[in-house]
Protein backbone atom coordinates (compact mmCIF):
# COMPACT_ATOMS: atom_id res chain seq x y z
CA MET A 1 110.45 106.99 125.44
CA LYS A 2 113.33 109.42 125.70
CA ASN A 3 116.86 109.40 124.29
CA ILE A 4 116.18 106.51 121.94
CA VAL A 5 119.23 105.17 120.09
CA TYR A 6 118.39 103.93 116.59
CA PRO A 7 117.92 101.51 114.96
CA LEU A 8 115.16 99.93 117.01
CA LYS A 9 114.33 96.23 116.90
CA LEU A 10 110.74 95.06 117.38
CA LYS A 11 110.38 91.37 118.18
CA PHE A 12 107.01 89.65 118.47
CA LYS A 13 106.58 86.84 120.95
CA ILE A 14 105.43 83.53 119.49
CA GLY A 15 103.31 80.87 121.14
CA THR A 16 100.96 83.29 122.93
CA LEU A 17 97.39 84.38 122.22
CA ALA A 18 98.22 88.02 122.79
CA ASN A 19 100.01 90.21 120.24
CA ASP A 20 103.01 91.08 122.42
CA PHE A 21 106.30 92.50 121.25
CA VAL A 22 109.37 94.06 122.81
CA ILE A 23 111.22 97.13 121.48
CA ILE A 24 115.00 97.18 121.89
CA ASP A 25 117.33 100.03 120.90
CA ALA A 26 120.82 99.89 119.39
CA ASN A 27 122.36 99.62 122.89
CA ASN A 28 120.23 96.55 123.63
CA PHE A 29 118.13 98.61 126.06
CA THR A 30 114.42 97.79 126.31
CA VAL A 31 112.51 100.86 125.16
CA GLY A 32 109.07 99.35 125.71
CA TYR A 33 106.95 96.23 125.91
CA VAL A 34 103.74 96.35 123.87
CA ARG A 35 100.67 94.29 124.69
CA GLN A 36 97.40 94.24 122.77
CA LYS A 37 94.35 93.54 124.92
CA MET A 38 92.53 90.52 123.54
CA PHE A 39 88.80 89.94 123.07
CA LYS A 40 87.82 93.60 123.10
CA PHE A 41 85.38 95.26 120.68
CA VAL A 42 87.57 98.37 120.56
CA ASP A 43 91.32 97.98 119.99
CA GLU A 44 93.37 98.83 123.06
CA ILE A 45 97.16 98.67 123.34
CA GLN A 46 99.28 99.13 126.43
CA VAL A 47 102.95 100.11 126.33
CA PHE A 48 104.96 99.11 129.41
CA SER A 49 108.52 99.93 130.42
CA ASP A 50 109.52 96.25 130.11
CA SER A 51 108.19 92.67 130.08
CA THR A 52 107.39 92.71 133.80
CA LYS A 53 104.42 94.95 132.87
CA LYS A 54 104.67 96.86 136.14
CA ASN A 55 105.01 100.39 134.78
CA ILE A 56 102.71 101.54 132.00
CA PHE A 57 104.01 104.34 129.79
CA TYR A 58 101.22 104.75 127.24
CA THR A 59 97.80 103.51 126.20
CA ILE A 60 96.58 103.45 122.60
CA LYS A 61 92.83 103.12 122.13
CA ALA A 62 90.59 103.22 119.07
CA ASN A 63 87.87 105.86 119.01
CA LYS A 64 85.34 103.36 117.59
CA TRP A 65 84.78 99.70 116.83
CA ILE A 66 87.17 98.15 114.31
CA ASP A 67 86.77 100.28 111.21
CA PHE A 68 88.84 101.50 108.25
CA SER A 69 88.48 105.08 109.45
CA ALA A 70 89.17 104.51 113.15
CA ALA A 71 91.64 106.81 114.88
CA TYR A 72 93.95 105.46 117.58
CA ILE A 73 94.45 107.91 120.42
CA PHE A 74 97.65 108.01 122.49
CA THR A 75 97.52 108.83 126.19
CA ASP A 76 100.48 108.98 128.56
CA GLU A 77 100.85 107.47 132.02
CA ASN A 78 98.85 110.38 133.49
CA GLY A 79 95.93 109.85 131.11
CA GLU A 80 96.78 112.97 129.08
CA GLN A 81 96.15 112.76 125.33
CA ILE A 82 99.36 113.37 123.36
CA GLY A 83 98.33 112.58 119.77
CA ARG A 84 96.78 110.01 117.46
CA VAL A 85 97.24 108.00 114.29
CA ALA A 86 94.48 107.29 111.77
CA ARG A 87 94.30 104.98 108.78
CA LYS A 88 93.45 106.87 105.61
CA GLY A 89 90.13 105.14 104.92
CA TRP A 90 89.57 102.85 101.95
CA ALA A 91 92.60 104.28 100.15
CA SER A 92 94.68 102.39 102.70
CA VAL A 93 93.28 98.96 101.79
CA TRP A 94 95.66 98.53 98.85
CA ASN A 95 98.58 100.78 99.79
CA ALA A 96 98.79 101.29 103.55
CA ARG A 97 98.64 104.97 104.54
CA TYR A 98 98.34 106.36 108.05
CA ASN A 99 98.30 109.98 109.21
CA ILE A 100 99.94 111.12 112.45
CA TYR A 101 98.45 114.04 114.41
CA ASP A 102 99.34 116.03 117.51
CA LYS A 103 96.94 116.42 120.43
CA GLU A 104 95.33 119.48 118.81
CA GLY A 105 94.53 117.49 115.66
CA ASN A 106 97.21 119.01 113.41
CA GLN A 107 98.72 116.53 110.97
CA LEU A 108 102.48 116.24 111.47
CA PHE A 109 103.50 113.19 109.43
CA TYR A 110 102.19 110.33 107.36
CA ILE A 111 103.22 106.69 107.00
CA LYS A 112 103.15 105.15 103.54
CA GLU A 113 103.94 101.66 102.32
CA ARG A 114 106.69 101.65 99.69
CA ASN A 115 105.49 98.77 97.52
CA PRO A 116 102.08 97.14 98.14
CA TRP A 117 102.97 94.20 95.86
CA VAL A 118 105.55 93.04 98.40
CA LYS A 119 102.79 92.66 101.00
CA VAL A 120 100.56 90.81 98.50
CA CYS A 121 103.31 88.30 97.67
CA ASP A 122 104.09 87.89 101.37
CA ALA A 123 100.42 87.15 102.15
CA ILE A 124 100.14 84.62 99.29
CA LEU A 125 103.23 82.69 100.38
CA ASN A 126 102.06 82.71 104.00
CA SER A 127 98.89 80.90 102.92
CA ILE A 128 100.79 77.95 101.37
CA PRO A 129 101.58 75.06 103.77
CA ILE A 130 105.27 74.33 104.36
CA ILE A 131 106.37 77.26 102.18
CA SER A 132 104.77 79.63 104.69
CA LEU A 133 107.47 78.62 107.19
CA PHE A 134 110.05 80.39 105.03
CA ALA A 135 107.91 83.27 103.71
CA GLY A 136 109.36 85.58 106.34
CA TYR A 137 112.72 85.44 104.57
CA LEU A 138 111.47 86.32 101.07
CA PHE A 139 109.13 89.33 100.99
CA ASN A 140 109.58 92.08 103.53
CA PRO A 141 107.43 95.24 103.33
CA LYS A 142 108.86 98.68 104.08
CA TYR A 143 107.06 101.78 105.34
CA ASP A 144 108.29 105.39 105.24
CA VAL A 145 107.36 108.08 107.75
CA LYS A 146 107.43 111.48 106.02
CA ASP A 147 106.69 115.01 107.14
CA MET A 148 104.24 117.28 105.34
CA GLN A 149 107.01 118.44 102.99
CA ASP A 150 107.62 114.80 101.93
CA ASN A 151 110.95 114.55 103.74
CA LYS A 152 111.79 111.06 104.98
CA ILE A 153 112.05 110.94 108.75
CA VAL A 154 111.91 107.27 109.73
CA MET A 155 111.71 103.94 107.94
CA LEU A 156 110.18 100.73 109.29
CA LYS A 157 110.83 97.40 107.62
CA LYS A 158 109.96 93.79 108.22
CA ASP A 159 113.24 91.93 108.70
CA PRO A 160 113.91 88.46 107.26
CA SER A 161 112.92 86.17 110.12
CA PHE A 162 111.25 82.87 110.93
CA TRP A 163 107.45 83.41 111.16
CA GLY A 164 108.01 87.06 110.09
CA ARG A 165 108.11 88.28 113.67
CA ASN A 166 110.97 90.82 113.55
CA PHE A 167 110.85 94.46 112.46
CA SER A 168 113.31 97.33 112.61
CA VAL A 169 112.99 101.12 112.72
CA SER A 170 115.77 103.37 111.43
CA LYS A 171 116.06 107.15 111.49
CA GLU A 172 116.50 108.68 108.03
CA GLY A 173 116.00 112.39 108.66
CA ASP A 174 115.69 115.13 111.27
CA LEU A 175 113.54 113.82 114.13
CA LYS A 176 112.64 116.29 116.86
CA ASP A 177 112.31 115.02 120.42
CA GLU A 178 108.71 116.26 120.78
CA HIS A 179 107.65 114.19 117.76
CA GLU A 180 109.55 110.99 118.48
CA GLU A 181 107.04 109.34 120.79
CA LYS A 182 104.13 110.03 118.41
CA ILE A 183 105.99 108.43 115.51
CA VAL A 184 107.09 105.36 117.48
CA LEU A 185 103.59 104.87 118.95
CA SER A 186 102.07 105.24 115.47
CA LEU A 187 104.41 102.57 114.07
CA MET A 188 103.53 100.24 116.95
CA MET A 189 99.83 100.54 116.17
CA MET A 190 100.37 100.26 112.43
CA ILE A 191 102.35 97.03 112.76
CA LEU A 192 99.56 95.40 114.75
CA LEU A 193 96.94 96.50 112.21
CA GLU A 194 99.00 95.44 109.18
CA ARG A 195 99.83 92.03 110.70
CA ARG A 196 96.08 91.50 111.17
CA ARG A 197 95.52 92.24 107.48
CA GLY A 198 98.22 89.74 106.47
C-alpha cells in the first residue's frame, strides 16, 4: 500500500458468507482486497492486491482466541511483523477504542469512536424488520485516528448506503509514509470487529 490517494472507499460484498471488501482510492485504483477467513477459532484476515486473490500483501492474525483484549498482528508478504492493533479491553465495549503499535510495541496512534450513541441507534434500527433495510442511511458512526498528541490524522466513517456496506477513509492531518500501512490495516481490522458487534 504505497502512494495512496485519499479519500479511500471501502465496499463490502453482499450475498457471500465471507466478510470480503474492496478498497478503492480517489483515482478508482484498487488498493487492496480484504478477506476474512471463516470458521476459524482465531481471527485471520488476508489482504490481497485485488479481487483475483493471486498476490497477498498482508496477513492480520489475532494473538489469541476471540477476546476483548486480543491484539491483531500485521505481517507483510515476506512474513515479517510490521505492527499491530489492539482493542482497549472492556473500556472499548461502549465507546470503541483501539491502539496502534509499531513492530517494537511502541504505541503510535489510537482510534476512537466519536459518538457511541450513533452506533447504538444504528444497531436498534437494524434489528427492526423492514426499517432495517433503510437503517444504513440514517445513523453512520465515525472514528478518528489520532497521534499521541491528540492530533487528528485520519477519519473513517460509515457512509449512507443500502445494508450499511460502504465506508470511507479521509486524511485529516500529517500522515507519514511509514505509518500509513499500519493505520489502514488497523482500520480494516476495526471495521470487521465493529460490524460483528453491530
